[in-house]
Amino acid sequence: MRAEWTVPADHPAFAGHFPDRPILPGVVLLDRALLLAQTLAPMAQWSIAQAKFQRPVGPGQTLTLELGEVRAGLWELRVRSASRLVASGSLRQHEEGAP
């Protein structure tokens, strides 16, 4: 599954992070990944198994988020900007009611 998102220049996460060179906090990228995952299985619960941030993301960048199933319940995450990897990791899919 794939989705694109252009980071709004006025995103509230940029406030104070950092004043001279705004950088999107990694937690915002992970939140976008979880939103994408929920479109795959809306009734499932999702958790972040692993995350790595390779490059900073700034205001106005267009990101491509990709999720691919590695095996049942484990999904690989890739986030790119202009074909360059900015973040990667994996998400776990839990059935409704499972921990």
PDB file of N, CA and C in Angstrom:
ATOM      1  N   MET A   1       0.843  -1.164   0.000  1.00  0.00           N
ATOM      2  CA  MET A   1       0.000   0.000   0.000  1.00  0.00           C
ATOM      3  C   MET A   1       0.888   1.226   0.000  1.00  0.00           C
ATOM      4  N   ARG A   2       0.399   2.259  -0.664  1.00  0.00           N
ATOM      5  CA  ARG A   2       1.208   3.460  -0.842  1.00  0.00           C
ATOM      6  C   ARG A   2       0.337   4.701  -0.692  1.00  0.00           C
ATOM      7  N   ALA A   3       0.914   5.759  -0.113  1.00  0.00           N
ATOM      8  CA  ALA A   3       0.217   7.039   0.010  1.00  0.00           C
ATOM      9  C   ALA A   3       1.240   8.164  -0.047  1.00  0.00           C
ATOM     10  N   GLU A   4       0.787   9.316  -0.517  1.00  0.00           N
ATOM     11  CA  GLU A   4       1.645  10.504  -0.530  1.00  0.00           C
ATOM     12  C   GLU A   4       1.091  11.533   0.440  1.00  0.00           C
ATOM     13  N   TRP A   5       1.998  12.299   1.021  1.00  0.00           N
ATOM     14  CA  TRP A   5       1.612  13.356   1.947  1.00  0.00           C
ATOM     15  C   TRP A   5       2.610  14.490   1.810  1.00  0.00           C
ATOM     16  N   THR A   6       2.109  15.689   1.584  1.00  0.00           N
ATOM     17  CA  THR A   6       2.962  16.870   1.563  1.00  0.00           C
ATOM     18  C   THR A   6       2.877  17.513   2.937  1.00  0.00           C
ATOM     19  N   VAL A   7       4.020  17.660   3.567  1.00  0.00           N
ATOM     20  CA  VAL A   7       4.077  18.191   4.927  1.00  0.00           C
ATOM     21  C   VAL A   7       3.726  19.680   4.889  1.00  0.00           C
ATOM     22  N   PRO A   8       2.641  20.072   5.557  1.00  0.00           N
ATOM     23  CA  PRO A   8       2.264  21.490   5.554  1.00  0.00           C
ATOM     24  C   PRO A   8       3.339  22.346   6.225  1.00  0.00           C
ATOM     25  N   ALA A   9       3.650  23.465   5.605  1.00  0.00           N
ATOM     26  CA  ALA A   9       4.663  24.360   6.165  1.00  0.00           C
ATOM     27  C   ALA A   9       4.251  24.880   7.539  1.00  0.00           C
ATOM     28  N   ASP A  10       2.947  24.944   7.780  1.00  0.00           N
ATOM     29  CA  ASP A  10       2.464  25.456   9.064  1.00  0.00           C
ATOM     30  C   ASP A  10       2.075  24.338  10.040  1.00  0.00           C
ATOM     31  N   HIS A  11       2.584  23.131   9.816  1.00  0.00           N
ATOM     32  CA  HIS A  11       2.269  22.013  10.718  1.00  0.00           C
ATOM     33  C   HIS A  11       2.694  22.395  12.139  1.00  0.00           C
ATOM     34  N   PRO A  12       1.819  22.189  13.130  1.00  0.00           N
ATOM     35  CA  PRO A  12       2.141  22.608  14.499  1.00  0.00           C
ATOM     36  C   PRO A  12       3.375  21.922  15.097  1.00  0.00           C
ATOM     37  N   ALA A  13       3.777  20.792  14.563  1.00  0.00           N
ATOM     38  CA  ALA A  13       4.951  20.093  15.099  1.00  0.00           C
ATOM     39  C   ALA A  13       6.247  20.867  14.851  1.00  0.00           C
ATOM     40  N   PHE A  14       6.227  21.798  13.894  1.00  0.00           N
ATOM     41  CA  PHE A  14       7.437  22.573  13.615  1.00  0.00           C
ATOM     42  C   PHE A  14       7.703  23.643  14.672  1.00  0.00           C
ATOM     43  N   ALA A  15       6.674  24.027  15.412  1.00  0.00           N
ATOM     44  CA  ALA A  15       6.832  25.087  16.419  1.00  0.00           C
ATOM     45  C   ALA A  15       7.868  24.655  17.456  1.00  0.00           C
ATOM     46  N   GLY A  16       8.987  25.349  17.476  1.00  0.00           N
ATOM     47  CA  GLY A  16      10.029  25.048  18.445  1.00  0.00           C
ATOM     48  C   GLY A  16      10.903  23.852  18.105  1.00  0.00           C
ATOM     49  N   HIS A  17      10.730  23.289  16.922  1.00  0.00           N
ATOM     50  CA  HIS A  17      11.478  22.065  16.549  1.00  0.00           C
ATOM     51  C   HIS A  17      12.103  22.236  15.174  1.00  0.00           C
ATOM     52  N   PHE A  18      12.925  22.933  14.880  1.00  0.00           N
ATOM     53  CA  PHE A  18      13.763  23.872  15.593  1.00  0.00           C
ATOM     54  C   PHE A  18      13.574  25.241  14.949  1.00  0.00           C
ATOM     55  N   PRO A  19      13.657  26.322  15.704  1.00  0.00           N
ATOM     56  CA  PRO A  19      13.323  27.639  15.151  1.00  0.00           C
ATOM     57  C   PRO A  19      14.115  28.039  13.899  1.00  0.00           C
ATOM     58  N   ASP A  20      15.412  27.781  13.872  1.00  0.00           N
ATOM     59  CA  ASP A  20      16.226  28.196  12.730  1.00  0.00           C
ATOM     60  C   ASP A  20      16.201  27.209  11.569  1.00  0.00           C
ATOM     61  N   ARG A  21      15.856  25.965  11.847  1.00  0.00           N
ATOM     62  CA  ARG A  21      15.793  24.937  10.805  1.00  0.00           C
ATOM     63  C   ARG A  21      14.713  23.928  11.191  1.00  0.00           C
ATOM     64  N   PRO A  22      13.477  24.186  10.759  1.00  0.00           N
ATOM     65  CA  PRO A  22      12.379  23.302  11.156  1.00  0.00           C
ATOM     66  C   PRO A  22      12.584  21.868  10.664  1.00  0.00           C
ATOM     67  N   ILE A  23      12.429  20.924  11.585  1.00  0.00           N
ATOM     68  CA  ILE A  23      12.536  19.496  11.279  1.00  0.00           C
ATOM     69  C   ILE A  23      11.296  18.807  11.841  1.00  0.00           C
ATOM     70  N   LEU A  24      10.665  17.997  11.012  1.00  0.00           N
ATOM     71  CA  LEU A  24       9.475  17.275  11.440  1.00  0.00           C
ATOM     72  C   LEU A  24       9.869  16.186  12.440  1.00  0.00           C
ATOM     73  N   PRO A  25       9.275  16.166  13.624  1.00  0.00           N
ATOM     74  CA  PRO A  25       9.584  15.101  14.582  1.00  0.00           C
ATOM     75  C   PRO A  25       9.214  13.725  14.023  1.00  0.00           C
ATOM     76  N   GLY A  26      10.021  12.741  14.325  1.00  0.00           N
ATOM     77  CA  GLY A  26       9.782  11.387  13.831  1.00  0.00           C
ATOM     78  C   GLY A  26       8.432  10.831  14.224  1.00  0.00           C
ATOM     79  N   VAL A  27       7.923  11.234  15.377  1.00  0.00           N
ATOM     80  CA  VAL A  27       6.629  10.733  15.829  1.00  0.00           C
ATOM     81  C   VAL A  27       5.516  11.103  14.849  1.00  0.00           C
ATOM     82  N   VAL A  28       5.666  12.215  14.140  1.00  0.00           N
ATOM     83  CA  VAL A  28       4.653  12.608  13.151  1.00  0.00           C
ATOM     84  C   VAL A  28       4.687  11.644  11.967  1.00  0.00           C
ATOM     85  N   LEU A  29       5.869  11.241  11.539  1.00  0.00           N
ATOM     86  CA  LEU A  29       5.974  10.252  10.459  1.00  0.00           C
ATOM     87  C   LEU A  29       5.350   8.925  10.882  1.00  0.00           C
ATOM     88  N   LEU A  30       5.595   8.525  12.112  1.00  0.00           N
ATOM     89  CA  LEU A  30       5.029   7.270  12.602  1.00  0.00           C
ATOM     90  C   LEU A  30       3.509   7.350  12.696  1.00  0.00           C
ATOM     91  N   ASP A  31       3.003   8.509  13.094  1.00  0.00           N
ATOM     92  CA  ASP A  31       1.553   8.694  13.141  1.00  0.00           C
ATOM     93  C   ASP A  31       0.944   8.557  11.750  1.00  0.00           C
ATOM     94  N   ARG A  32       1.590   9.136  10.746  1.00  0.00           N
ATOM     95  CA  ARG A  32       1.094   9.015   9.368  1.00  0.00           C
ATOM     96  C   ARG A  32       1.124   7.556   8.914  1.00  0.00           C
ATOM     97  N   ALA A  33       2.161   6.822   9.306  1.00  0.00           N
ATOM     98  CA  ALA A  33       2.250   5.402   8.946  1.00  0.00           C
ATOM     99  C   ALA A  33       1.118   4.605   9.589  1.00  0.00           C
ATOM    100  N   LEU A  34       0.816   4.907  10.844  1.00  0.00           N
ATOM    101  CA  LEU A  34      -0.280   4.206  11.521  1.00  0.00           C
ATOM    102  C   LEU A  34      -1.628   4.540  10.887  1.00  0.00           C
ATOM    103  N   LEU A  35      -1.814   5.785  10.457  1.00  0.00           N
ATOM    104  CA  LEU A  35      -3.051   6.156   9.759  1.00  0.00           C
ATOM    105  C   LEU A  35      -3.194   5.371   8.463  1.00  0.00           C
ATOM    106  N   LEU A  36      -2.098   5.210   7.741  1.00  0.00           N
ATOM    107  CA  LEU A  36      -2.123   4.423   6.509  1.00  0.00           C
ATOM    108  C   LEU A  36      -2.449   2.964   6.821  1.00  0.00           C
ATOM    109  N   ALA A  37      -1.832   2.427   7.855  1.00  0.00           N
ATOM    110  CA  ALA A  37      -2.077   1.032   8.234  1.00  0.00           C
ATOM    111  C   ALA A  37      -3.545   0.807   8.584  1.00  0.00           C
ATOM    112  N   GLN A  38      -4.160   1.773   9.228  1.00  0.00           N
ATOM    113  CA  GLN A  38      -5.564   1.623   9.612  1.00  0.00           C
ATOM    114  C   GLN A  38      -6.488   1.557   8.405  1.00  0.00           C
ATOM    115  N   THR A  39      -6.058   2.075   7.264  1.00  0.00           N
ATOM    116  CA  THR A  39      -6.886   1.939   6.062  1.00  0.00           C
ATOM    117  C   THR A  39      -6.843   0.503   5.543  1.00  0.00           C
ATOM    118  N   LEU A  40      -5.775  -0.224   5.866  1.00  0.00           N
ATOM    119  CA  LEU A  40      -5.659  -1.628   5.462  1.00  0.00           C
ATOM    120  C   LEU A  40      -6.557  -2.533   6.299  1.00  0.00           C
ATOM    121  N   ALA A  41      -6.559  -2.297   7.587  1.00  0.00           N
ATOM    122  CA  ALA A  41      -7.325  -3.141   8.515  1.00  0.00           C
ATOM    123  C   ALA A  41      -7.879  -2.247   9.620  1.00  0.00           C
ATOM    124  N   PRO A  42      -9.016  -1.600   9.362  1.00  0.00           N
ATOM    125  CA  PRO A  42      -9.560  -0.627  10.309  1.00  0.00           C
ATOM    126  C   PRO A  42      -9.894  -1.193  11.692  1.00  0.00           C
ATOM    127  N   MET A  43     -10.210  -2.471  11.779  1.00  0.00           N
ATOM    128  CA  MET A  43     -10.596  -3.050  13.063  1.00  0.00           C
ATOM    129  C   MET A  43      -9.396  -3.581  13.853  1.00  0.00           C
ATOM    130  N   ALA A  44      -8.249  -3.648  13.225  1.00  0.00           N
ATOM    131  CA  ALA A  44      -7.053  -4.156  13.901  1.00  0.00           C
ATOM    132  C   ALA A  44      -6.411  -3.050  14.731  1.00  0.00           C
ATOM    133  N   GLN A  45      -5.606  -3.459  15.677  1.00  0.00           N
ATOM    134  CA  GLN A  45      -4.764  -2.524  16.409  1.00  0.00           C
ATOM    135  C   GLN A  45      -3.364  -2.646  15.822  1.00  0.00           C
ATOM    136  N   TRP A  46      -2.659  -1.530  15.790  1.00  0.00           N
ATOM    137  CA  TRP A  46      -1.327  -1.506  15.194  1.00  0.00           C
ATOM    138  C   TRP A  46      -0.320  -1.008  16.228  1.00  0.00           C
ATOM    139  N   SER A  47       0.894  -1.507  16.126  1.00  0.00           N
ATOM    140  CA  SER A  47       1.980  -1.013  16.964  1.00  0.00           C
ATOM    141  C   SER A  47       3.238  -0.879  16.113  1.00  0.00           C
ATOM    142  N   ILE A  48       4.127  -0.054  16.586  1.00  0.00           N
ATOM    143  CA  ILE A  48       5.390   0.162  15.891  1.00  0.00           C
ATOM    144  C   ILE A  48       6.397  -0.832  16.452  1.00  0.00           C
ATOM    145  N   ALA A  49       6.901  -1.698  15.602  1.00  0.00           N
ATOM    146  CA  ALA A  49       7.866  -2.709  16.033  1.00  0.00           C
ATOM    147  C   ALA A  49       9.285  -2.154  16.005  1.00  0.00           C
ATOM    148  N   GLN A  50       9.557  -1.315  15.005  1.00  0.00           N
ATOM    149  CA  GLN A  50      10.908  -0.784  14.827  1.00  0.00           C
ATOM    150  C   GLN A  50      10.810   0.480  13.985  1.00  0.00           C
ATOM    151  N   ALA A  51      11.687   1.446  14.249  1.00  0.00           N
ATOM    152  CA  ALA A  51      11.715   2.672  13.446  1.00  0.00           C
ATOM    153  C   ALA A  51      13.139   3.212  13.384  1.00  0.00           C
ATOM    154  N   LYS A  52      13.484   3.708  12.206  1.00  0.00           N
ATOM    155  CA  LYS A  52      14.798   4.322  11.999  1.00  0.00           C
ATOM    156  C   LYS A  52      14.588   5.545  11.110  1.00  0.00           C
ATOM    157  N   PHE A  53      15.206   6.645  11.501  1.00  0.00           N
ATOM    158  CA  PHE A  53      15.069   7.891  10.755  1.00  0.00           C
ATOM    159  C   PHE A  53      16.410   8.204  10.096  1.00  0.00           C
ATOM    160  N   GLN A  54      16.429   8.170   8.758  1.00  0.00           N
ATOM    161  CA  GLN A  54      17.677   8.332   8.023  1.00  0.00           C
ATOM    162  C   GLN A  54      17.992   9.784   7.664  1.00  0.00           C
ATOM    163  N   ARG A  55      16.955  10.575   7.372  1.00  0.00           N
ATOM    164  CA  ARG A  55      17.170  11.955   6.931  1.00  0.00           C
ATOM    165  C   ARG A  55      16.106  12.856   7.543  1.00  0.00           C
ATOM    166  N   PRO A  56      16.459  14.115   7.800  1.00  0.00           N
ATOM    167  CA  PRO A  56      15.451  15.040   8.322  1.00  0.00           C
ATOM    168  C   PRO A  56      14.410  15.396   7.253  1.00  0.00           C
ATOM    169  N   VAL A  57      13.203  15.695   7.722  1.00  0.00           N
ATOM    170  CA  VAL A  57      12.100  16.104   6.849  1.00  0.00           C
ATOM    171  C   VAL A  57      11.714  17.522   7.238  1.00  0.00           C
ATOM    172  N   GLY A  58      11.587  18.383   6.227  1.00  0.00           N
ATOM    173  CA  GLY A  58      11.250  19.776   6.482  1.00  0.00           C
ATOM    174  C   GLY A  58       9.900  20.164   5.911  1.00  0.00           C
ATOM    175  N   PRO A  59       9.505  21.408   6.144  1.00  0.00           N
ATOM    176  CA  PRO A  59       8.227  21.906   5.652  1.00  0.00           C
ATOM    177  C   PRO A  59       8.140  21.826   4.130  1.00  0.00           C
ATOM    178  N   GLY A  60       6.967  21.444   3.639  1.00  0.00           N
ATOM    179  CA  GLY A  60       6.713  21.422   2.202  1.00  0.00           C
ATOM    180  C   GLY A  60       7.204  20.195   1.466  1.00  0.00           C
ATOM    181  N   GLN A  61       7.910  19.303   2.131  1.00  0.00           N
ATOM    182  CA  GLN A  61       8.388  18.095   1.453  1.00  0.00           C
ATOM    183  C   GLN A  61       7.226  17.154   1.172  1.00  0.00           C
ATOM    184  N   THR A  62       7.263  16.525  -0.003  1.00  0.00           N
ATOM    185  CA  THR A  62       6.275  15.505  -0.336  1.00  0.00           C
ATOM    186  C   THR A  62       6.877  14.149  -0.020  1.00  0.00           C
ATOM    187  N   LEU A  63       6.158  13.394   0.787  1.00  0.00           N
ATOM    188  CA  LEU A  63       6.622  12.085   1.233  1.00  0.00           C
ATOM    189  C   LEU A  63       5.780  10.987   0.606  1.00  0.00           C
ATOM    190  N   THR A  64       6.420   9.880   0.288  1.00  0.00           N
ATOM    191  CA  THR A  64       5.724   8.674  -0.154  1.00  0.00           C
ATOM    192  C   THR A  64       5.894   7.644   0.945  1.00  0.00           C
ATOM    193  N   LEU A  65       4.766   7.214   1.502  1.00  0.00           N
ATOM    194  CA  LEU A  65       4.764   6.188   2.544  1.00  0.00           C
ATOM    195  C   LEU A  65       4.349   4.878   1.908  1.00  0.00           C
ATOM    196  N   GLU A  66       5.112   3.824   2.159  1.00  0.00           N
ATOM    197  CA  GLU A  66       4.814   2.506   1.598  1.00  0.00           C
ATOM    198  C   GLU A  66       4.789   1.467   2.708  1.00  0.00           C
ATOM    199  N   LEU A  67       3.764   0.635   2.677  1.00  0.00           N
ATOM    200  CA  LEU A  67       3.656  -0.495   3.595  1.00  0.00           C
ATOM    201  C   LEU A  67       3.557  -1.766   2.779  1.00  0.00           C
ATOM    202  N   GLY A  68       4.365  -2.757   3.117  1.00  0.00           N
ATOM    203  CA  GLY A  68       4.318  -4.052   2.446  1.00  0.00           C
ATOM    204  C   GLY A  68       4.350  -5.162   3.482  1.00  0.00           C
ATOM    205  N   GLU A  69       3.496  -6.142   3.303  1.00  0.00           N
ATOM    206  CA  GLU A  69       3.419  -7.233   4.279  1.00  0.00           C
ATOM    207  C   GLU A  69       4.615  -8.169   4.119  1.00  0.00           C
ATOM    208  N   VAL A  70       5.338  -8.373   5.205  1.00  0.00           N
ATOM    209  CA  VAL A  70       6.490  -9.268   5.235  1.00  0.00           C
ATOM    210  C   VAL A  70       6.007 -10.693   5.508  1.00  0.00           C
ATOM    211  N   ARG A  71       5.152 -10.807   6.492  1.00  0.00           N
ATOM    212  CA  ARG A  71       4.485 -12.073   6.837  1.00  0.00           C
ATOM    213  C   ARG A  71       3.240 -11.695   7.627  1.00  0.00           C
ATOM    214  N   ALA A  72       2.430 -12.665   7.942  1.00  0.00           N
ATOM    215  CA  ALA A  72       1.171 -12.381   8.639  1.00  0.00           C
ATOM    216  C   ALA A  72       1.420 -11.532   9.887  1.00  0.00           C
ATOM    217  N   GLY A  73       0.825 -10.355   9.897  1.00  0.00           N
ATOM    218  CA  GLY A  73       0.909  -9.483  11.060  1.00  0.00           C
ATOM    219  C   GLY A  73       2.123  -8.584  11.133  1.00  0.00           C
ATOM    220  N   LEU A  74       3.061  -8.679  10.195  1.00  0.00           N
ATOM    221  CA  LEU A  74       4.254  -7.831  10.207  1.00  0.00           C
ATOM    222  C   LEU A  74       4.370  -7.108   8.873  1.00  0.00           C
ATOM    223  N   TRP A  75       4.471  -5.792   8.950  1.00  0.00           N
ATOM    224  CA  TRP A  75       4.498  -4.947   7.756  1.00  0.00           C
ATOM    225  C   TRP A  75       5.752  -4.089   7.747  1.00  0.00           C
ATOM    226  N   GLU A  76       6.398  -4.032   6.590  1.00  0.00           N
ATOM    227  CA  GLU A  76       7.585  -3.199   6.405  1.00  0.00           C
ATOM    228  C   GLU A  76       7.140  -1.793   6.022  1.00  0.00           C
ATOM    229  N   LEU A  77       7.785  -0.791   6.601  1.00  0.00           N
ATOM    230  CA  LEU A  77       7.497   0.614   6.331  1.00  0.00           C
ATOM    231  C   LEU A  77       8.696   1.261   5.656  1.00  0.00           C
ATOM    232  N   ARG A  78       8.413   2.019   4.608  1.00  0.00           N
ATOM    233  CA  ARG A  78       9.428   2.846   3.945  1.00  0.00           C
ATOM    234  C   ARG A  78       8.812   4.223   3.705  1.00  0.00           C
ATOM    235  N   VAL A  79       9.556   5.274   4.057  1.00  0.00           N
ATOM    236  CA  VAL A  79       9.117   6.646   3.800  1.00  0.00           C
ATOM    237  C   VAL A  79      10.202   7.300   2.963  1.00  0.00           C
ATOM    238  N   ARG A  80       9.798   7.818   1.809  1.00  0.00           N
ATOM    239  CA  ARG A  80      10.752   8.439   0.886  1.00  0.00           C
ATOM    240  C   ARG A  80      10.338   9.869   0.567  1.00  0.00           C
ATOM    241  N   SER A  81      11.340  10.673   0.247  1.00  0.00           N
ATOM    242  CA  SER A  81      11.136  12.021  -0.269  1.00  0.00           C
ATOM    243  C   SER A  81      12.032  12.142  -1.490  1.00  0.00           C
ATOM    244  N   ALA A  82      11.425  12.408  -2.634  1.00  0.00           N
ATOM    245  CA  ALA A  82      12.183  12.504  -3.892  1.00  0.00           C
ATOM    246  C   ALA A  82      13.059  11.264  -4.086  1.00  0.00           C
ATOM    247  N   SER A  83      12.498  10.102  -3.854  1.00  0.00           N
ATOM    248  CA  SER A  83      13.154   8.798  -4.018  1.00  0.00           C
ATOM    249  C   SER A  83      14.243   8.507  -2.988  1.00  0.00           C
ATOM    250  N   ARG A  84      14.477   9.411  -2.062  1.00  0.00           N
ATOM    251  CA  ARG A  84      15.486   9.176  -1.021  1.00  0.00           C
ATOM    252  C   ARG A  84      14.800   8.695   0.250  1.00  0.00           C
ATOM    253  N   LEU A  85      15.334   7.648   0.833  1.00  0.00           N
ATOM    254  CA  LEU A  85      14.773   7.089   2.055  1.00  0.00           C
ATOM    255  C   LEU A  85      14.980   8.060   3.215  1.00  0.00           C
ATOM    256  N   VAL A  86      13.883   8.430   3.887  1.00  0.00           N
ATOM    257  CA  VAL A  86      13.985   9.308   5.055  1.00  0.00           C
ATOM    258  C   VAL A  86      13.669   8.568   6.352  1.00  0.00           C
ATOM    259  N   ALA A  87      12.898   7.468   6.249  1.00  0.00           N
ATOM    260  CA  ALA A  87      12.575   6.671   7.438  1.00  0.00           C
ATOM    261  C   ALA A  87      12.207   5.257   7.002  1.00  0.00           C
ATOM    262  N   SER A  88      12.425   4.319   7.911  1.00  0.00           N
ATOM    263  CA  SER A  88      12.056   2.930   7.644  1.00  0.00           C
ATOM    264  C   SER A  88      11.721   2.260   8.967  1.00  0.00           C
ATOM    265  N   GLY A  89      11.132   1.093   8.864  1.00  0.00           N
ATOM    266  CA  GLY A  89      10.804   0.364  10.076  1.00  0.00           C
ATOM    267  C   GLY A  89       9.788  -0.718   9.802  1.00  0.00           C
ATOM    268  N   SER A  90       9.102  -1.120  10.852  1.00  0.00           N
ATOM    269  CA  SER A  90       8.073  -2.147  10.698  1.00  0.00           C
ATOM    270  C   SER A  90       6.936  -1.904  11.680  1.00  0.00           C
ATOM    271  N   LEU A  91       5.756  -2.342  11.262  1.00  0.00           N
ATOM    272  CA  LEU A  91       4.548  -2.234  12.074  1.00  0.00           C
ATOM    273  C   LEU A  91       4.002  -3.631  12.315  1.00  0.00           C
ATOM    274  N   ARG A  92       3.403  -3.815  13.481  1.00  0.00           N
ATOM    275  CA  ARG A  92       2.729  -5.079  13.796  1.00  0.00           C
ATOM    276  C   ARG A  92       1.227  -4.860  13.780  1.00  0.00           C
ATOM    277  N   GLN A  93       0.556  -5.813  13.187  1.00  0.00           N
ATOM    278  CA  GLN A  93      -0.905  -5.796  13.135  1.00  0.00           C
ATOM    279  C   GLN A  93      -1.425  -6.798  14.162  1.00  0.00           C
ATOM    280  N   HIS A  94      -2.276  -6.322  15.061  1.00  0.00           N
ATOM    281  CA  HIS A  94      -2.867  -7.171  16.095  1.00  0.00           C
ATOM    282  C   HIS A  94      -4.359  -7.273  15.814  1.00  0.00           C
ATOM    283  N   GLU A  95      -4.885  -8.447  15.939  1.00  0.00           N
ATOM    284  CA  GLU A  95      -6.324  -8.617  15.741  1.00  0.00           C
ATOM    285  C   GLU A  95      -7.077  -7.861  16.822  1.00  0.00           C
ATOM    286  N   GLU A  96      -8.292  -7.467  16.504  1.00  0.00           N
ATOM    287  CA  GLU A  96      -9.113  -6.723  17.447  1.00  0.00           C
ATOM    288  C   GLU A  96      -9.175  -7.460  18.788  1.00  0.00           C
ATOM    289  N   GLY A  97      -8.894  -6.708  19.852  1.00  0.00           N
ATOM    290  CA  GLY A  97      -8.945  -7.284  21.185  1.00  0.00           C
ATOM    291  C   GLY A  97      -7.649  -7.939  21.638  1.00  0.00           C
ATOM    292  N   ALA A  98      -6.695  -8.125  20.727  1.00  0.00           N
ATOM    293  CA  ALA A  98      -5.410  -8.742  21.093  1.00  0.00           C
ATOM    294  C   ALA A  98      -4.470  -7.680  21.648  1.00  0.00           C
ATOM    295  N   PRO A  99      -3.543  -8.045  22.526  1.00  0.00           N
ATOM    296  CA  PRO A  99      -2.590  -7.066  23.084  1.00  0.00           C
ATOM    297  C   PRO A  99      -1.580  -6.599  22.064  1.00  0.00           C
TER     298      PRO A  99
END
